[in-house]
Amino acid sequence: MAKHSSKAASNHRAAKPRARATEGDDTAVIALELPAEKLSPDMAAYFAKCEEKLGFVPNVLKAYAFDMAKLSAFVAMYNDLMLAPSGLSKLEREMIAVAVSAHNRCYYCLVAHGAAVRTLSGDPALGELMAMNYRAARLSPRERAMLDFAVKLSAEPWRVEDEDRAALRHAGFTDRDIWDIAAVAGFFNMSNRIASATDMRPNSVYHGQAR
C-alpha cells in the first residue's frame, strides 16, 4: 500500500502543469479565419489612442479589423452610446452592458465590461454581482428599474409595455434616458451574439483589473 501511494504521489508530481485558463486569448481572438485589413488612417489613430490610454487594443476591435467599414461603424456606435453625453452615467451604461451580457452569457462582454464596472464604481464586488446576478446587488431604485427594463428588453422584448416605461419615469428617467437605456441594451444584445458566434476572447488583462 505504501509503495502504491508513493508511486501515485510521484506520478502526480510528474504531471504536466495545466495550461492557464486564458492561454492564447490574446493571440487567437476569434474562431474564424478573417485576415485583418490594413487599418485606415482614422482607425490606425484610434488603435494608437487605445494603446496610449488603455495600454492595449481591445480584442473586439481586432476582431472587426478584417473590414474597415464594419470596424468604423462599430467604433462610432460604441463611442456614441457608451461615451457621449447622456442622462445615464458611464457607470450606469456599463451596468446595462453587464446585466444584458449576463442574461446572454456572453463571455467576452462579461469579462471586459465587468472590469469597467469594477473600475468606474470603485467597488469590485459590484462588478462580480453584475456578472452573476444583478438582482442580488444592493442597487438604488433607479439602477434596479433600469436593469430590469434592459433585461426584459433582452429576454422578452415583445412584452415591453407602457407600464415598463412608466416605471422608468417613476424612477427618475426622462424619455430620452429611456431611449438611451434601450439603445445600450440593443447594442449589447447584438455584440453578445457576434461575440458568441465567433468565440471572441477578451484581453487577458481585463481579468485582473480593479480587483
C-alpha atoms as a PDB file:
ATOM      1  CA  MET A   1       0.000   0.000   0.000  1.00  0.00           C
ATOM      2  CA  ALA A   2       2.825   2.406   0.932  1.00  0.00           C
ATOM      3  CA  LYS A   3       4.629   1.588  -2.315  1.00  0.00           C
ATOM      4  CA  HIS A   4       1.471   2.236  -4.347  1.00  0.00           C
ATOM      5  CA  SER A   5       0.887   5.569  -2.577  1.00  0.00           C
ATOM      6  CA  SER A   6       4.489   6.595  -3.197  1.00  0.00           C
ATOM      7  CA  LYS A   7       4.140   5.805  -6.914  1.00  0.00           C
ATOM      8  CA  ALA A   8       0.878   7.764  -7.162  1.00  0.00           C
ATOM      9  CA  ALA A   9       2.491  10.755  -5.478  1.00  0.00           C
ATOM     10  CA  SER A  10       5.444  10.558  -7.876  1.00  0.00           C
ATOM     11  CA  ASN A  11       3.110  10.447 -10.885  1.00  0.00           C
ATOM     12  CA  HIS A  12       1.213  13.445  -9.508  1.00  0.00           C
ATOM     13  CA  ARG A  13       4.435  15.426  -9.145  1.00  0.00           C
ATOM     14  CA  ALA A  14       5.485  14.499 -12.684  1.00  0.00           C
ATOM     15  CA  ALA A  15       2.168  15.524 -14.233  1.00  0.00           C
ATOM     16  CA  LYS A  16       2.427  18.289 -16.788  1.00  0.00           C
ATOM     17  CA  PRO A  17       1.220  21.631 -15.407  1.00  0.00           C
ATOM     18  CA  ARG A  18      -2.171  22.583 -16.791  1.00  0.00           C
ATOM     19  CA  ALA A  19      -2.383  25.471 -19.209  1.00  0.00           C
ATOM     20  CA  ARG A  20      -3.577  28.835 -17.924  1.00  0.00           C
ATOM     21  CA  ALA A  21      -7.310  29.318 -18.417  1.00  0.00           C
ATOM     22  CA  THR A  22      -6.715  32.377 -20.603  1.00  0.00           C
ATOM     23  CA  GLU A  23      -3.796  30.969 -22.587  1.00  0.00           C
ATOM     24  CA  GLY A  24      -3.985  32.043 -26.221  1.00  0.00           C
ATOM     25  CA  ASP A  25      -6.756  34.578 -25.677  1.00  0.00           C
ATOM     26  CA  ASP A  26      -4.514  37.463 -26.722  1.00  0.00           C
ATOM     27  CA  THR A  27      -3.444  35.812 -29.975  1.00  0.00           C
ATOM     28  CA  ALA A  28      -6.395  33.740 -31.229  1.00  0.00           C
ATOM     29  CA  VAL A  29      -9.022  36.448 -30.817  1.00  0.00           C
ATOM     30  CA  ILE A  30     -11.849  34.721 -32.714  1.00  0.00           C
ATOM     31  CA  ALA A  31     -12.500  31.249 -34.100  1.00  0.00           C
ATOM     32  CA  LEU A  32     -12.904  32.478 -37.696  1.00  0.00           C
ATOM     33  CA  GLU A  33     -10.060  32.966 -40.155  1.00  0.00           C
ATOM     34  CA  LEU A  34     -10.591  36.567 -41.225  1.00  0.00           C
ATOM     35  CA  PRO A  35      -7.279  38.239 -42.086  1.00  0.00           C
ATOM     36  CA  ALA A  36      -7.011  41.824 -40.907  1.00  0.00           C
ATOM     37  CA  GLU A  37      -7.075  44.604 -43.473  1.00  0.00           C
ATOM     38  CA  LYS A  38      -4.612  47.460 -43.390  1.00  0.00           C
ATOM     39  CA  LEU A  39      -6.024  49.943 -40.910  1.00  0.00           C
ATOM     40  CA  SER A  40      -7.429  53.142 -42.353  1.00  0.00           C
ATOM     41  CA  PRO A  41      -5.727  56.335 -41.089  1.00  0.00           C
ATOM     42  CA  ASP A  42      -8.661  57.019 -38.742  1.00  0.00           C
ATOM     43  CA  MET A  43      -8.638  53.516 -37.325  1.00  0.00           C
ATOM     44  CA  ALA A  44      -4.833  53.439 -37.038  1.00  0.00           C
ATOM     45  CA  ALA A  45      -5.072  56.630 -34.973  1.00  0.00           C
ATOM     46  CA  TYR A  46      -7.849  55.086 -32.867  1.00  0.00           C
ATOM     47  CA  PHE A  47      -5.816  51.934 -32.195  1.00  0.00           C
ATOM     48  CA  ALA A  48      -2.862  54.132 -31.184  1.00  0.00           C
ATOM     49  CA  LYS A  49      -5.115  56.076 -28.822  1.00  0.00           C
ATOM     50  CA  CYS A  50      -6.257  52.797 -27.230  1.00  0.00           C
ATOM     51  CA  GLU A  51      -2.632  51.797 -26.691  1.00  0.00           C
ATOM     52  CA  GLU A  52      -1.919  55.183 -25.127  1.00  0.00           C
ATOM     53  CA  LYS A  53      -4.988  55.329 -22.872  1.00  0.00           C
ATOM     54  CA  LEU A  54      -5.522  51.646 -22.018  1.00  0.00           C
ATOM     55  CA  GLY A  55      -2.141  50.086 -22.652  1.00  0.00           C
ATOM     56  CA  PHE A  56      -3.654  47.654 -25.161  1.00  0.00           C
ATOM     57  CA  VAL A  57      -6.102  47.401 -28.062  1.00  0.00           C
ATOM     58  CA  PRO A  58      -9.358  45.674 -27.039  1.00  0.00           C
ATOM     59  CA  ASN A  59      -9.689  42.363 -28.842  1.00  0.00           C
ATOM     60  CA  VAL A  60     -13.157  43.263 -30.105  1.00  0.00           C
ATOM     61  CA  LEU A  61     -11.531  45.932 -32.273  1.00  0.00           C
ATOM     62  CA  LYS A  62      -9.029  43.429 -33.614  1.00  0.00           C
ATOM     63  CA  ALA A  63     -11.915  41.066 -34.370  1.00  0.00           C
ATOM     64  CA  TYR A  64     -13.617  43.700 -36.523  1.00  0.00           C
ATOM     65  CA  ALA A  65     -10.393  44.737 -38.271  1.00  0.00           C
ATOM     66  CA  PHE A  66     -10.983  42.425 -41.248  1.00  0.00           C
ATOM     67  CA  ASP A  67     -13.391  45.044 -42.649  1.00  0.00           C
ATOM     68  CA  MET A  68     -12.750  48.770 -42.187  1.00  0.00           C
ATOM     69  CA  ALA A  69     -16.383  49.726 -42.820  1.00  0.00           C
ATOM     70  CA  LYS A  70     -17.613  47.374 -40.095  1.00  0.00           C
ATOM     71  CA  LEU A  71     -14.853  48.409 -37.702  1.00  0.00           C
ATOM     72  CA  SER A  72     -15.563  52.114 -38.210  1.00  0.00           C
ATOM     73  CA  ALA A  73     -19.312  51.613 -37.754  1.00  0.00           C
ATOM     74  CA  PHE A  74     -18.778  49.576 -34.573  1.00  0.00           C
ATOM     75  CA  VAL A  75     -16.415  52.161 -33.086  1.00  0.00           C
ATOM     76  CA  ALA A  76     -18.739  55.046 -33.941  1.00  0.00           C
ATOM     77  CA  MET A  77     -21.787  53.344 -32.428  1.00  0.00           C
ATOM     78  CA  TYR A  78     -19.920  52.210 -29.325  1.00  0.00           C
ATOM     79  CA  ASN A  79     -18.422  55.629 -28.661  1.00  0.00           C
ATOM     80  CA  ASP A  80     -21.759  57.363 -29.176  1.00  0.00           C
ATOM     81  CA  LEU A  81     -23.677  55.024 -26.872  1.00  0.00           C
ATOM     82  CA  MET A  82     -21.102  54.498 -24.141  1.00  0.00           C
ATOM     83  CA  LEU A  83     -19.028  57.690 -24.028  1.00  0.00           C
ATOM     84  CA  ALA A  84     -21.096  60.568 -25.440  1.00  0.00           C
ATOM     85  CA  PRO A  85     -23.113  62.888 -23.170  1.00  0.00           C
ATOM     86  CA  SER A  86     -26.228  61.201 -21.801  1.00  0.00           C
ATOM     87  CA  GLY A  87     -28.613  61.334 -18.865  1.00  0.00           C
ATOM     88  CA  LEU A  88     -27.112  57.946 -17.988  1.00  0.00           C
ATOM     89  CA  SER A  89     -23.740  57.935 -16.280  1.00  0.00           C
ATOM     90  CA  LYS A  90     -20.890  55.922 -17.792  1.00  0.00           C
ATOM     91  CA  LEU A  91     -21.212  53.503 -14.875  1.00  0.00           C
ATOM     92  CA  GLU A  92     -24.930  53.043 -15.494  1.00  0.00           C
ATOM     93  CA  ARG A  93     -24.269  52.278 -19.148  1.00  0.00           C
ATOM     94  CA  GLU A  94     -21.611  49.732 -18.193  1.00  0.00           C
ATOM     95  CA  MET A  95     -24.023  48.169 -15.716  1.00  0.00           C
ATOM     96  CA  ILE A  96     -26.558  47.735 -18.523  1.00  0.00           C
ATOM     97  CA  ALA A  97     -23.842  46.138 -20.665  1.00  0.00           C
ATOM     98  CA  VAL A  98     -23.022  43.602 -17.961  1.00  0.00           C
ATOM     99  CA  ALA A  99     -26.618  42.787 -16.978  1.00  0.00           C
ATOM    100  CA  VAL A 100     -27.566  42.191 -20.620  1.00  0.00           C
ATOM    101  CA  SER A 101     -24.398  40.158 -21.216  1.00  0.00           C
ATOM    102  CA  ALA A 102     -25.106  38.079 -18.107  1.00  0.00           C
ATOM    103  CA  HIS A 103     -28.551  37.262 -19.468  1.00  0.00           C
ATOM    104  CA  ASN A 104     -26.951  36.230 -22.780  1.00  0.00           C
ATOM    105  CA  ARG A 105     -23.992  34.515 -21.047  1.00  0.00           C
ATOM    106  CA  CYS A 106     -21.545  36.385 -23.245  1.00  0.00           C
ATOM    107  CA  TYR A 107     -18.053  35.602 -22.003  1.00  0.00           C
ATOM    108  CA  TYR A 108     -16.298  38.455 -23.813  1.00  0.00           C
ATOM    109  CA  CYS A 109     -18.601  41.221 -22.652  1.00  0.00           C
ATOM    110  CA  LEU A 110     -18.914  39.924 -19.099  1.00  0.00           C
ATOM    111  CA  VAL A 111     -15.143  39.988 -18.712  1.00  0.00           C
ATOM    112  CA  ALA A 112     -14.496  43.305 -20.475  1.00  0.00           C
ATOM    113  CA  HIS A 113     -17.441  45.267 -19.112  1.00  0.00           C
ATOM    114  CA  GLY A 114     -17.350  43.617 -15.710  1.00  0.00           C
ATOM    115  CA  ALA A 115     -13.860  45.129 -15.436  1.00  0.00           C
ATOM    116  CA  ALA A 116     -15.289  48.508 -16.456  1.00  0.00           C
ATOM    117  CA  VAL A 117     -17.954  48.330 -13.718  1.00  0.00           C
ATOM    118  CA  ARG A 118     -15.286  47.496 -11.135  1.00  0.00           C
ATOM    119  CA  THR A 119     -13.137  50.390 -12.316  1.00  0.00           C
ATOM    120  CA  LEU A 120     -15.851  53.040 -12.578  1.00  0.00           C
ATOM    121  CA  SER A 121     -17.601  52.109  -9.337  1.00  0.00           C
ATOM    122  CA  GLY A 122     -14.504  51.532  -7.236  1.00  0.00           C
ATOM    123  CA  ASP A 123     -16.410  48.521  -5.907  1.00  0.00           C
ATOM    124  CA  PRO A 124     -15.018  45.189  -7.163  1.00  0.00           C
ATOM    125  CA  ALA A 125     -17.951  43.278  -5.649  1.00  0.00           C
ATOM    126  CA  LEU A 126     -20.406  45.257  -7.782  1.00  0.00           C
ATOM    127  CA  GLY A 127     -18.718  44.067 -10.957  1.00  0.00           C
ATOM    128  CA  GLU A 128     -18.967  40.475  -9.763  1.00  0.00           C
ATOM    129  CA  LEU A 129     -22.615  40.834  -8.771  1.00  0.00           C
ATOM    130  CA  MET A 130     -23.496  42.381 -12.125  1.00  0.00           C
ATOM    131  CA  ALA A 131     -21.918  39.402 -13.875  1.00  0.00           C
ATOM    132  CA  MET A 132     -23.513  36.761 -11.650  1.00  0.00           C
ATOM    133  CA  ASN A 133     -26.937  38.168 -10.767  1.00  0.00           C
ATOM    134  CA  TYR A 134     -27.637  41.896 -10.613  1.00  0.00           C
ATOM    135  CA  ARG A 135     -30.761  41.185  -8.524  1.00  0.00           C
ATOM    136  CA  ALA A 136     -28.507  40.133  -5.645  1.00  0.00           C
ATOM    137  CA  ALA A 137     -26.745  43.503  -5.601  1.00  0.00           C
ATOM    138  CA  ARG A 138     -27.748  46.348  -3.303  1.00  0.00           C
ATOM    139  CA  LEU A 139     -28.882  48.692  -6.056  1.00  0.00           C
ATOM    140  CA  SER A 140     -30.666  52.005  -5.894  1.00  0.00           C
ATOM    141  CA  PRO A 141     -34.307  52.009  -7.079  1.00  0.00           C
ATOM    142  CA  ARG A 142     -33.127  53.893 -10.193  1.00  0.00           C
ATOM    143  CA  GLU A 143     -30.488  51.267 -11.012  1.00  0.00           C
ATOM    144  CA  ARG A 144     -32.861  48.367 -10.374  1.00  0.00           C
ATOM    145  CA  ALA A 145     -35.568  49.852 -12.625  1.00  0.00           C
ATOM    146  CA  MET A 146     -33.004  50.484 -15.375  1.00  0.00           C
ATOM    147  CA  LEU A 147     -31.587  46.967 -15.287  1.00  0.00           C
ATOM    148  CA  ASP A 148     -34.990  45.278 -15.008  1.00  0.00           C
ATOM    149  CA  PHE A 149     -36.041  47.119 -18.169  1.00  0.00           C
ATOM    150  CA  ALA A 150     -32.819  46.322 -20.049  1.00  0.00           C
ATOM    151  CA  VAL A 151     -33.013  42.616 -19.211  1.00  0.00           C
ATOM    152  CA  LYS A 152     -36.721  42.378 -20.044  1.00  0.00           C
ATOM    153  CA  LEU A 153     -35.975  44.059 -23.367  1.00  0.00           C
ATOM    154  CA  SER A 154     -33.285  41.423 -23.947  1.00  0.00           C
ATOM    155  CA  ALA A 155     -35.294  38.396 -22.850  1.00  0.00           C
ATOM    156  CA  GLU A 156     -38.866  39.193 -23.889  1.00  0.00           C
ATOM    157  CA  PRO A 157     -38.924  42.388 -25.958  1.00  0.00           C
ATOM    158  CA  TRP A 158     -42.473  41.732 -27.127  1.00  0.00           C
ATOM    159  CA  ARG A 159     -43.669  42.090 -23.527  1.00  0.00           C
ATOM    160  CA  VAL A 160     -42.406  45.642 -23.024  1.00  0.00           C
ATOM    161  CA  GLU A 161     -45.446  47.855 -22.408  1.00  0.00           C
ATOM    162  CA  ASP A 162     -46.397  51.323 -21.213  1.00  0.00           C
ATOM    163  CA  GLU A 163     -46.144  50.204 -17.600  1.00  0.00           C
ATOM    164  CA  ASP A 164     -42.460  49.392 -18.113  1.00  0.00           C
ATOM    165  CA  ARG A 165     -41.756  52.862 -19.460  1.00  0.00           C
ATOM    166  CA  ALA A 166     -43.847  54.339 -16.644  1.00  0.00           C
ATOM    167  CA  ALA A 167     -41.694  52.504 -14.094  1.00  0.00           C
ATOM    168  CA  LEU A 168     -38.599  54.129 -15.580  1.00  0.00           C
ATOM    169  CA  ARG A 169     -40.186  57.581 -15.472  1.00  0.00           C
ATOM    170  CA  HIS A 170     -41.158  56.963 -11.837  1.00  0.00           C
ATOM    171  CA  ALA A 171     -37.516  56.108 -11.116  1.00  0.00           C
ATOM    172  CA  GLY A 172     -36.468  59.499 -12.494  1.00  0.00           C
ATOM    173  CA  PHE A 173     -35.583  58.739 -16.096  1.00  0.00           C
ATOM    174  CA  THR A 174     -36.578  61.087 -18.916  1.00  0.00           C
ATOM    175  CA  ASP A 175     -37.914  59.822 -22.212  1.00  0.00           C
ATOM    176  CA  ARG A 176     -34.509  60.487 -23.752  1.00  0.00           C
ATOM    177  CA  ASP A 177     -32.944  58.380 -20.995  1.00  0.00           C
ATOM    178  CA  ILE A 178     -35.355  55.558 -21.820  1.00  0.00           C
ATOM    179  CA  TRP A 179     -34.184  55.725 -25.439  1.00  0.00           C
ATOM    180  CA  ASP A 180     -30.563  55.527 -24.261  1.00  0.00           C
ATOM    181  CA  ILE A 181     -31.258  52.538 -21.989  1.00  0.00           C
ATOM    182  CA  ALA A 182     -32.899  50.738 -24.910  1.00  0.00           C
ATOM    183  CA  ALA A 183     -30.087  51.686 -27.306  1.00  0.00           C
ATOM    184  CA  VAL A 184     -27.340  50.422 -24.986  1.00  0.00           C
ATOM    185  CA  ALA A 185     -29.261  47.203 -24.296  1.00  0.00           C
ATOM    186  CA  GLY A 186     -29.896  46.696 -28.012  1.00  0.00           C
ATOM    187  CA  PHE A 187     -26.250  47.284 -28.898  1.00  0.00           C
ATOM    188  CA  PHE A 188     -25.025  44.715 -26.407  1.00  0.00           C
ATOM    189  CA  ASN A 189     -27.566  42.132 -27.484  1.00  0.00           C
ATOM    190  CA  MET A 190     -26.080  42.471 -30.972  1.00  0.00           C
ATOM    191  CA  SER A 191     -22.488  42.465 -29.695  1.00  0.00           C
ATOM    192  CA  ASN A 192     -23.143  39.443 -27.462  1.00  0.00           C
ATOM    193  CA  ARG A 193     -24.373  37.429 -30.412  1.00  0.00           C
ATOM    194  CA  ILE A 194     -21.412  38.320 -32.606  1.00  0.00           C
ATOM    195  CA  ALA A 195     -19.014  37.523 -29.767  1.00  0.00           C
ATOM    196  CA  SER A 196     -20.690  34.168 -29.067  1.00  0.00           C
ATOM    197  CA  ALA A 197     -20.898  33.230 -32.754  1.00  0.00           C
ATOM    198  CA  THR A 198     -17.165  33.829 -33.221  1.00  0.00           C
ATOM    199  CA  ASP A 199     -15.910  32.655 -29.798  1.00  0.00           C
ATOM    200  CA  MET A 200     -14.436  36.114 -29.267  1.00  0.00           C
ATOM    201  CA  ARG A 201     -11.840  36.085 -26.481  1.00  0.00           C
ATOM    202  CA  PRO A 202     -11.345  39.049 -24.127  1.00  0.00           C
ATOM    203  CA  ASN A 203      -7.916  40.502 -23.459  1.00  0.00           C
ATOM    204  CA  SER A 204      -6.433  38.613 -20.545  1.00  0.00           C
ATOM    205  CA  VAL A 205      -5.555  41.898 -18.807  1.00  0.00           C
ATOM    206  CA  TYR A 206      -9.247  42.512 -18.062  1.00  0.00           C
ATOM    207  CA  HIS A 207      -9.359  39.644 -15.575  1.00  0.00           C
ATOM    208  CA  GLY A 208      -7.061  41.382 -13.112  1.00  0.00           C
ATOM    209  CA  GLN A 209      -8.301  44.954 -13.440  1.00  0.00           C
ATOM    210  CA  ALA A 210      -9.701  46.811 -10.404  1.00  0.00           C
ATOM    211  CA  ARG A 211      -9.625  43.787  -8.098  1.00  0.00           C
END
